[in-house]
């Protein structure tokens, strides 16, 4: 991935995450990104990552972290644990709080990778049932929507935080 970024003219570096961020001059980066890393970090390391990224970012810089979505029961109970190196799921509101405590403003959650329709709970086709049964079926569909969102929802989420201030060009 680093080589691909460099081939496209981007500055990218491989190394220990915390050593690289600690050695990065304060306010020198336009962005820090991490995809499916934070669920592998031990306790306390995520807060350290967010704070080090904030320090390294210039005003207007962004921190983007993506991780499996524990708000989906299917992800939290099944998919997450397929990777034996995962340590713990990260709740979106816990991550948002770490961003805000570090000073990021605004902070935005992105819901990513919805489950395919074929994997989700089927909906009752109201047109296929007698009219007198449609109100009941509609109620069942509304309950299905709530259950479906709880079970499936999105497979991943991203958190995007911007360091306050005006970005340099």
Protein backbone atom coordinates (compact mmCIF):
# COMPACT_ATOMS: atom_id res chain seq x y z
CA UNK A 1 0.00 0.00 0.00
CA UNK A 2 2.84 2.38 0.83
CA UNK A 3 4.46 1.71 -2.54
CA UNK A 4 1.16 2.31 -4.35
CA UNK A 5 0.74 5.66 -2.57
CA UNK A 6 4.30 6.67 -3.40
CA UNK A 7 3.80 5.70 -7.06
CA UNK A 8 0.86 8.09 -7.12
CA UNK A 9 2.95 10.94 -5.76
CA UNK A 10 1.73 10.75 -2.18
CA UNK A 11 3.96 10.84 0.85
CA UNK A 12 3.59 7.49 2.61
CA UNK A 13 5.79 5.72 5.09
CA UNK A 14 5.96 2.20 6.54
CA UNK A 15 6.98 1.68 10.14
CA UNK A 16 5.75 1.34 13.68
CA UNK A 17 2.63 3.47 13.94
CA UNK A 18 3.50 5.10 17.23
CA UNK A 19 7.19 5.63 16.45
CA UNK A 20 6.36 7.27 13.11
CA UNK A 21 3.69 9.56 14.58
CA UNK A 22 5.90 10.49 17.54
CA UNK A 23 8.78 11.38 15.18
CA UNK A 24 6.51 13.37 12.85
CA UNK A 25 6.93 17.13 13.28
CA UNK A 26 3.97 18.77 14.99
CA UNK A 27 1.42 20.21 12.59
CA UNK A 28 3.09 18.78 9.49
CA UNK A 29 0.52 16.35 8.06
CA UNK A 30 -2.60 17.01 6.03
CA UNK A 31 -4.12 13.65 6.89
CA UNK A 32 -3.70 10.42 8.81
CA UNK A 33 -5.64 7.33 7.72
CA UNK A 34 -5.96 3.83 9.09
CA UNK A 35 -8.15 1.04 7.79
CA UNK A 36 -8.92 -2.00 9.94
CA UNK A 37 -6.09 -1.42 12.39
CA UNK A 38 -7.63 -0.03 15.57
CA UNK A 39 -9.42 -3.28 16.46
CA UNK A 40 -5.95 -4.85 16.76
CA UNK A 41 -4.63 -2.34 19.33
CA UNK A 42 -4.27 -3.10 23.05
CA UNK A 43 -6.07 -1.07 25.71
CA UNK A 44 -5.00 2.57 25.83
CA UNK A 45 -3.30 2.51 22.45
CA UNK A 46 -6.30 3.89 20.56
CA UNK A 47 -6.40 7.03 22.69
CA UNK A 48 -2.66 7.44 22.15
CA UNK A 49 -3.09 7.04 18.37
CA UNK A 50 -5.82 9.69 18.21
CA UNK A 51 -3.80 12.16 20.30
CA UNK A 52 -0.58 11.60 18.35
CA UNK A 53 -2.43 12.03 15.06
CA UNK A 54 -3.97 15.28 16.33
CA UNK A 55 -0.52 16.58 17.26
CA UNK A 56 0.93 15.64 13.86
CA UNK A 57 -1.91 17.18 11.84
CA UNK A 58 -1.82 20.75 10.60
CA UNK A 59 -4.91 22.93 11.14
CA UNK A 60 -7.65 21.64 8.84
CA UNK A 61 -6.01 18.19 8.67
CA UNK A 62 -8.13 15.06 8.96
CA UNK A 63 -7.92 11.78 10.83
CA UNK A 64 -9.83 8.91 9.21
CA UNK A 65 -10.13 5.58 11.02
CA UNK A 66 -12.18 2.64 9.69
CA UNK A 67 -13.09 -0.47 11.68
CA UNK A 68 -15.72 -3.24 11.85
CA UNK A 69 -19.12 -2.01 13.06
CA UNK A 70 -20.02 -3.56 16.44
CA UNK A 71 -23.54 -2.09 16.20
CA UNK A 72 -24.30 -4.93 13.77
CA UNK A 73 -24.95 -8.09 15.77
CA UNK A 74 -23.77 -10.22 12.84
CA UNK A 75 -20.46 -8.33 12.73
CA UNK A 76 -19.99 -8.28 16.51
CA UNK A 77 -20.91 -11.92 17.14
CA UNK A 78 -19.67 -13.62 14.00
CA UNK A 79 -17.63 -11.71 11.42
CA UNK A 80 -15.38 -9.77 13.81
CA UNK A 81 -13.95 -12.90 15.38
CA UNK A 82 -13.02 -14.56 12.08
CA UNK A 83 -9.72 -12.69 12.36
CA UNK A 84 -7.88 -14.19 15.36
CA UNK A 85 -5.70 -11.08 15.66
CA UNK A 86 -8.67 -8.85 16.55
CA UNK A 87 -8.44 -7.79 20.18
CA UNK A 88 -11.65 -5.81 20.75
CA UNK A 89 -14.40 -4.13 18.79
CA UNK A 90 -14.50 -0.33 18.97
CA UNK A 91 -17.89 1.28 19.59
CA UNK A 92 -18.52 4.33 17.37
CA UNK A 93 -19.48 6.55 20.30
CA UNK A 94 -16.34 5.59 22.23
CA UNK A 95 -14.23 6.49 19.21
CA UNK A 96 -16.15 9.75 18.73
CA UNK A 97 -15.43 10.66 22.36
CA UNK A 98 -11.69 10.04 21.89
CA UNK A 99 -11.70 12.31 18.84
CA UNK A 100 -13.56 15.05 20.69
CA UNK A 101 -11.36 14.82 23.79
CA UNK A 102 -8.28 15.15 21.56
CA UNK A 103 -9.73 18.35 20.06
CA UNK A 104 -11.15 17.25 16.70
CA UNK A 105 -14.10 19.34 15.52
CA UNK A 106 -16.17 18.46 13.61
CA UNK A 107 -16.33 14.68 13.98
CA UNK A 108 -18.43 12.63 11.56
CA UNK A 109 -19.32 8.93 11.52
CA UNK A 110 -19.61 7.23 8.14
CA UNK A 111 -21.60 3.99 7.83
CA UNK A 112 -19.79 1.76 5.33
CA UNK A 113 -20.41 -1.48 3.43
CA UNK A 114 -24.06 -2.41 3.90
CA UNK A 115 -24.80 -6.12 3.88
CA UNK A 116 -26.07 -7.37 0.50
CA UNK A 117 -29.87 -7.52 0.21
CA UNK A 118 -29.65 -11.30 -0.23
CA UNK A 119 -28.22 -11.59 3.32
CA UNK A 120 -30.89 -9.44 4.95
CA UNK A 121 -34.31 -10.39 6.29
CA UNK A 122 -37.01 -10.57 3.62
CA UNK A 123 -39.85 -8.07 3.57
CA UNK A 124 -43.50 -9.09 3.18
CA UNK A 125 -44.78 -8.03 -0.22
CA UNK A 126 -47.95 -6.15 0.69
CA UNK A 127 -49.28 -6.36 -2.85
CA UNK A 128 -49.18 -10.16 -2.66
CA UNK A 129 -51.55 -10.50 0.33
CA UNK A 130 -55.26 -9.77 0.81
CA UNK A 131 -56.04 -6.09 1.56
CA UNK A 132 -57.50 -6.86 5.00
CA UNK A 133 -54.15 -8.40 6.08
CA UNK A 134 -52.00 -5.51 4.85
CA UNK A 135 -52.11 -3.40 8.05
CA UNK A 136 -50.84 -6.35 10.09
CA UNK A 137 -48.21 -7.20 7.46
CA UNK A 138 -47.13 -3.56 7.36
CA UNK A 139 -46.58 -3.69 11.13
CA UNK A 140 -44.56 -6.88 10.73
CA UNK A 141 -42.48 -5.16 8.04
CA UNK A 142 -41.75 -2.23 10.38
CA UNK A 143 -40.59 -4.67 13.08
CA UNK A 144 -38.56 -6.50 10.44
CA UNK A 145 -36.87 -3.22 9.50
CA UNK A 146 -35.83 -2.60 13.12
CA UNK A 147 -34.59 -6.17 13.61
CA UNK A 148 -32.82 -6.17 10.25
CA UNK A 149 -30.97 -2.96 11.13
CA UNK A 150 -29.91 -4.41 14.49
CA UNK A 151 -28.74 -7.70 13.00
CA UNK A 152 -27.13 -6.40 9.85
CA UNK A 153 -26.88 -2.65 9.33
CA UNK A 154 -23.44 -1.75 8.03
CA UNK A 155 -20.38 -3.99 8.21
CA UNK A 156 -17.92 -1.18 8.91
CA UNK A 157 -17.88 2.41 10.03
CA UNK A 158 -15.41 5.21 9.59
CA UNK A 159 -14.78 8.16 11.86
CA UNK A 160 -13.56 11.39 10.30
CA UNK A 161 -12.29 14.22 12.45
CA UNK A 162 -10.90 17.56 11.37
CA UNK A 163 -8.34 19.51 13.38
CA UNK A 164 -9.79 23.00 13.86
CA UNK A 165 -8.22 25.86 11.97
CA UNK A 166 -7.66 26.84 8.40
CA UNK A 167 -5.91 24.36 6.15
CA UNK A 168 -2.66 25.54 4.56
CA UNK A 169 -2.34 25.17 0.82
